[in-house]
Amino acid sequence: MKVAVAFDHRGVKLRECVLEELDGLGHEIVDLGTDKPEPRIDYPDKAREVAEAIHGGDAERAVFVCGSGVGASVAACKFAGIRAGLCHDTYSAHQGVEHDDMNVLCLGSGVIGTRFEGGERYVRRLEKIAETEGEKTYG
């Protein structure tokens, strides 16, 4: 199967993983880029490229990755004939294809395979949660 792949600047974190998986399954990859985090790429532009690849017959399906997967899904669904679904589990992905004829799988690079990045504002929030855990807020 010919599968287009597209990544915005945040989605590029999953690029190698997606390409490796598709290649391992024997799919022909139609690479719509990007392959680096700079310059920033707007996901609606990539959504258009994905739609054009499918409409033009260059690909039968696509994997489209942005930071959360939400923007990719929303933007892709604006194009006629594109049925994009945000799936982070195999059951939803399978059902999306089998029951809804999904032709674009959207993923979020910030949702899959990431690590805590630290930083003052994130640590501060976690410290507040830890304080709450220490409080007796019930019975």
C-alpha atoms as a PDB file:
ATOM      1  CA  MET A   1       0.000   0.000   0.000  1.00  0.00           C
ATOM      2  CA  LYS A   2       1.189   3.539  -0.749  1.00  0.00           C
ATOM      3  CA  VAL A   3       1.133   5.551   2.480  1.00  0.00           C
ATOM      4  CA  ALA A   4       1.890   9.268   2.638  1.00  0.00           C
ATOM      5  CA  VAL A   5       3.608  10.543   5.766  1.00  0.00           C
ATOM      6  CA  ALA A   6       3.580  14.160   6.892  1.00  0.00           C
ATOM      7  CA  PHE A   7       5.011  15.890   9.934  1.00  0.00           C
ATOM      8  CA  ASP A   8       4.894  19.453  11.164  1.00  0.00           C
ATOM      9  CA  HIS A   9       7.813  20.868  13.150  1.00  0.00           C
ATOM     10  CA  ARG A  10       6.624  19.224  16.381  1.00  0.00           C
ATOM     11  CA  GLY A  11       5.517  15.997  14.774  1.00  0.00           C
ATOM     12  CA  VAL A  12       8.995  15.390  13.406  1.00  0.00           C
ATOM     13  CA  LYS A  13       9.918  13.781  16.764  1.00  0.00           C
ATOM     14  CA  LEU A  14       8.083  10.631  15.631  1.00  0.00           C
ATOM     15  CA  ARG A  15       9.379  10.693  12.074  1.00  0.00           C
ATOM     16  CA  GLU A  16      11.957   7.908  12.274  1.00  0.00           C
ATOM     17  CA  CYS A  17       9.661   5.659  14.280  1.00  0.00           C
ATOM     18  CA  VAL A  18       6.785   6.054  11.799  1.00  0.00           C
ATOM     19  CA  LEU A  19       9.001   5.553   8.755  1.00  0.00           C
ATOM     20  CA  GLU A  20      10.632   2.477  10.274  1.00  0.00           C
ATOM     21  CA  GLU A  21       7.282   0.923  11.185  1.00  0.00           C
ATOM     22  CA  LEU A  22       5.745   1.504   7.755  1.00  0.00           C
ATOM     23  CA  ASP A  23       8.842   0.254   5.980  1.00  0.00           C
ATOM     24  CA  GLY A  24       8.868  -2.854   8.169  1.00  0.00           C
ATOM     25  CA  LEU A  25       5.285  -3.564   7.133  1.00  0.00           C
ATOM     26  CA  GLY A  26       6.290  -3.364   3.472  1.00  0.00           C
ATOM     27  CA  HIS A  27       4.384  -0.183   2.602  1.00  0.00           C
ATOM     28  CA  GLU A  28       5.565   2.174  -0.100  1.00  0.00           C
ATOM     29  CA  ILE A  29       6.207   5.519   1.624  1.00  0.00           C
ATOM     30  CA  VAL A  30       5.313   8.847   0.048  1.00  0.00           C
ATOM     31  CA  ASP A  31       7.331  11.290   2.159  1.00  0.00           C
ATOM     32  CA  LEU A  32       5.737  14.734   2.432  1.00  0.00           C
ATOM     33  CA  GLY A  33       8.261  15.940   5.049  1.00  0.00           C
ATOM     34  CA  THR A  34       9.371  17.677   7.166  1.00  0.00           C
ATOM     35  CA  ASP A  35      12.535  16.124   8.505  1.00  0.00           C
ATOM     36  CA  LYS A  36      13.648  18.832  10.939  1.00  0.00           C
ATOM     37  CA  PRO A  37      12.127  20.934  13.725  1.00  0.00           C
ATOM     38  CA  GLU A  38      13.044  24.265  12.105  1.00  0.00           C
ATOM     39  CA  PRO A  39      11.623  26.173  10.394  1.00  0.00           C
ATOM     40  CA  ARG A  40       8.196  25.827  11.963  1.00  0.00           C
ATOM     41  CA  ILE A  41       5.699  24.188   9.644  1.00  0.00           C
ATOM     42  CA  ASP A  42       1.983  24.984   9.980  1.00  0.00           C
ATOM     43  CA  TYR A  43      -0.061  21.801  10.213  1.00  0.00           C
ATOM     44  CA  PRO A  44      -2.876  23.131   7.964  1.00  0.00           C
ATOM     45  CA  ASP A  45      -0.314  23.322   5.132  1.00  0.00           C
ATOM     46  CA  LYS A  46       0.655  19.702   5.720  1.00  0.00           C
ATOM     47  CA  ALA A  47      -3.036  18.735   5.857  1.00  0.00           C
ATOM     48  CA  ARG A  48      -3.447  20.148   2.359  1.00  0.00           C
ATOM     49  CA  GLU A  49      -0.439  18.129   1.133  1.00  0.00           C
ATOM     50  CA  VAL A  50      -1.886  14.958   2.662  1.00  0.00           C
ATOM     51  CA  ALA A  51      -5.270  15.573   1.019  1.00  0.00           C
ATOM     52  CA  GLU A  52      -3.664  16.299  -2.334  1.00  0.00           C
ATOM     53  CA  ALA A  53      -1.608  13.094  -2.160  1.00  0.00           C
ATOM     54  CA  ILE A  54      -4.724  11.020  -1.503  1.00  0.00           C
ATOM     55  CA  HIS A  55      -6.940  12.885  -3.997  1.00  0.00           C
ATOM     56  CA  GLY A  56      -4.238  12.675  -6.664  1.00  0.00           C
ATOM     57  CA  GLY A  57      -3.766   8.933  -6.213  1.00  0.00           C
ATOM     58  CA  ASP A  58      -0.185   9.271  -4.993  1.00  0.00           C
ATOM     59  CA  ALA A  59      -1.189   7.563  -1.730  1.00  0.00           C
ATOM     60  CA  GLU A  60      -4.059   5.417  -0.539  1.00  0.00           C
ATOM     61  CA  ARG A  61      -3.732   6.398   3.108  1.00  0.00           C
ATOM     62  CA  ALA A  62      -1.617   8.697   5.251  1.00  0.00           C
ATOM     63  CA  VAL A  63      -0.048   9.089   8.664  1.00  0.00           C
ATOM     64  CA  PHE A  64      -0.036  12.721   9.765  1.00  0.00           C
ATOM     65  CA  VAL A  65       1.792  13.815  12.923  1.00  0.00           C
ATOM     66  CA  CYS A  66       1.714  17.123  14.788  1.00  0.00           C
ATOM     67  CA  GLY A  67       2.323  17.909  18.455  1.00  0.00           C
ATOM     68  CA  SER A  68      -0.980  16.662  19.854  1.00  0.00           C
ATOM     69  CA  GLY A  69      -2.540  15.121  16.760  1.00  0.00           C
ATOM     70  CA  VAL A  70      -5.647  17.251  17.300  1.00  0.00           C
ATOM     71  CA  GLY A  71      -4.735  20.033  14.883  1.00  0.00           C
ATOM     72  CA  ALA A  72      -3.718  17.510  12.236  1.00  0.00           C
ATOM     73  CA  SER A  73      -7.039  15.723  12.563  1.00  0.00           C
ATOM     74  CA  VAL A  74      -9.162  18.878  12.538  1.00  0.00           C
ATOM     75  CA  ALA A  75      -7.345  20.379   9.537  1.00  0.00           C
ATOM     76  CA  ALA A  76      -7.273  17.176   7.484  1.00  0.00           C
ATOM     77  CA  CYS A  77     -11.004  16.563   7.951  1.00  0.00           C
ATOM     78  CA  LYS A  78     -11.763  19.888   6.249  1.00  0.00           C
ATOM     79  CA  PHE A  79     -10.862  18.384   2.875  1.00  0.00           C
ATOM     80  CA  ALA A  80     -13.505  16.475   0.921  1.00  0.00           C
ATOM     81  CA  GLY A  81     -13.026  12.732   1.077  1.00  0.00           C
ATOM     82  CA  ILE A  82     -10.527  12.854   3.915  1.00  0.00           C
ATOM     83  CA  ARG A  83     -11.534  10.887   6.979  1.00  0.00           C
ATOM     84  CA  ALA A  84      -8.841  11.591   9.534  1.00  0.00           C
ATOM     85  CA  GLY A  85      -8.851  10.123  13.009  1.00  0.00           C
ATOM     86  CA  LEU A  86      -6.717  10.834  16.040  1.00  0.00           C
ATOM     87  CA  CYS A  87      -5.760   7.435  17.437  1.00  0.00           C
ATOM     88  CA  HIS A  88      -3.244   6.575  20.103  1.00  0.00           C
ATOM     89  CA  ASP A  89      -4.209   2.926  20.491  1.00  0.00           C
ATOM     90  CA  THR A  90      -4.419   0.057  18.051  1.00  0.00           C
ATOM     91  CA  TYR A  91      -8.075  -0.699  18.749  1.00  0.00           C
ATOM     92  CA  SER A  92      -9.253   2.779  17.710  1.00  0.00           C
ATOM     93  CA  ALA A  93      -6.997   2.781  14.657  1.00  0.00           C
ATOM     94  CA  HIS A  94      -8.284  -0.629  13.563  1.00  0.00           C
ATOM     95  CA  GLN A  95     -11.926   0.302  14.123  1.00  0.00           C
ATOM     96  CA  GLY A  96     -11.447   3.655  12.412  1.00  0.00           C
ATOM     97  CA  VAL A  97     -10.372   1.911   9.233  1.00  0.00           C
ATOM     98  CA  GLU A  98     -12.725  -1.055   9.436  1.00  0.00           C
ATOM     99  CA  HIS A  99     -15.904   0.764  10.486  1.00  0.00           C
ATOM    100  CA  ASP A 100     -15.356   4.363   9.332  1.00  0.00           C
ATOM    101  CA  ASP A 101     -13.059   3.965   6.307  1.00  0.00           C
ATOM    102  CA  MET A 102     -10.507   6.277   7.948  1.00  0.00           C
ATOM    103  CA  ASN A 103      -7.816   7.146   5.431  1.00  0.00           C
ATOM    104  CA  VAL A 104      -5.590   9.403   7.545  1.00  0.00           C
ATOM    105  CA  LEU A 105      -4.184   8.312  10.895  1.00  0.00           C
ATOM    106  CA  CYS A 106      -3.252  11.312  13.045  1.00  0.00           C
ATOM    107  CA  LEU A 107      -0.783  11.020  15.894  1.00  0.00           C
ATOM    108  CA  GLY A 108       0.597  13.409  18.482  1.00  0.00           C
ATOM    109  CA  SER A 109       4.335  13.418  19.028  1.00  0.00           C
ATOM    110  CA  GLY A 110       3.811  14.986  22.450  1.00  0.00           C
ATOM    111  CA  VAL A 111       1.518  12.143  23.444  1.00  0.00           C
ATOM    112  CA  ILE A 112       3.507   9.141  22.266  1.00  0.00           C
ATOM    113  CA  GLY A 113       6.955   8.184  23.470  1.00  0.00           C
ATOM    114  CA  THR A 114       7.878  11.380  25.249  1.00  0.00           C
ATOM    115  CA  ARG A 115       9.721  12.149  28.457  1.00  0.00           C
ATOM    116  CA  PHE A 116       9.194  14.780  31.115  1.00  0.00           C
ATOM    117  CA  GLU A 117      11.078  17.823  29.864  1.00  0.00           C
ATOM    118  CA  GLY A 118      11.426  19.556  33.200  1.00  0.00           C
ATOM    119  CA  GLY A 119      11.563  23.294  33.344  1.00  0.00           C
ATOM    120  CA  GLU A 120      10.574  25.680  36.116  1.00  0.00           C
ATOM    121  CA  ARG A 121       6.887  26.058  35.288  1.00  0.00           C
ATOM    122  CA  TYR A 122       6.329  22.303  34.964  1.00  0.00           C
ATOM    123  CA  VAL A 123       8.216  21.481  38.148  1.00  0.00           C
ATOM    124  CA  ARG A 124       6.288  24.224  39.987  1.00  0.00           C
ATOM    125  CA  ARG A 125       2.989  22.632  38.938  1.00  0.00           C
ATOM    126  CA  LEU A 126       4.112  19.190  40.026  1.00  0.00           C
ATOM    127  CA  GLU A 127       5.166  20.596  43.402  1.00  0.00           C
ATOM    128  CA  LYS A 128       1.658  22.008  43.856  1.00  0.00           C
ATOM    129  CA  ILE A 129       0.201  18.577  43.101  1.00  0.00           C
ATOM    130  CA  ALA A 130       2.566  17.008  45.640  1.00  0.00           C
ATOM    131  CA  GLU A 131       1.432  19.549  48.254  1.00  0.00           C
ATOM    132  CA  THR A 132      -2.195  18.656  47.549  1.00  0.00           C
ATOM    133  CA  GLU A 133      -1.408  14.977  47.950  1.00  0.00           C
ATOM    134  CA  GLY A 134      -0.076  15.717  51.402  1.00  0.00           C
ATOM    135  CA  GLU A 135      -3.231  17.537  52.506  1.00  0.00           C
ATOM    136  CA  LYS A 136      -6.106  15.780  54.153  1.00  0.00           C
ATOM    137  CA  THR A 137      -8.916  16.927  51.877  1.00  0.00           C
ATOM    138  CA  TYR A 138     -11.527  14.314  52.694  1.00  0.00           C
ATOM    139  CA  GLY A 139     -13.461  12.837  55.632  1.00  0.00           C
END
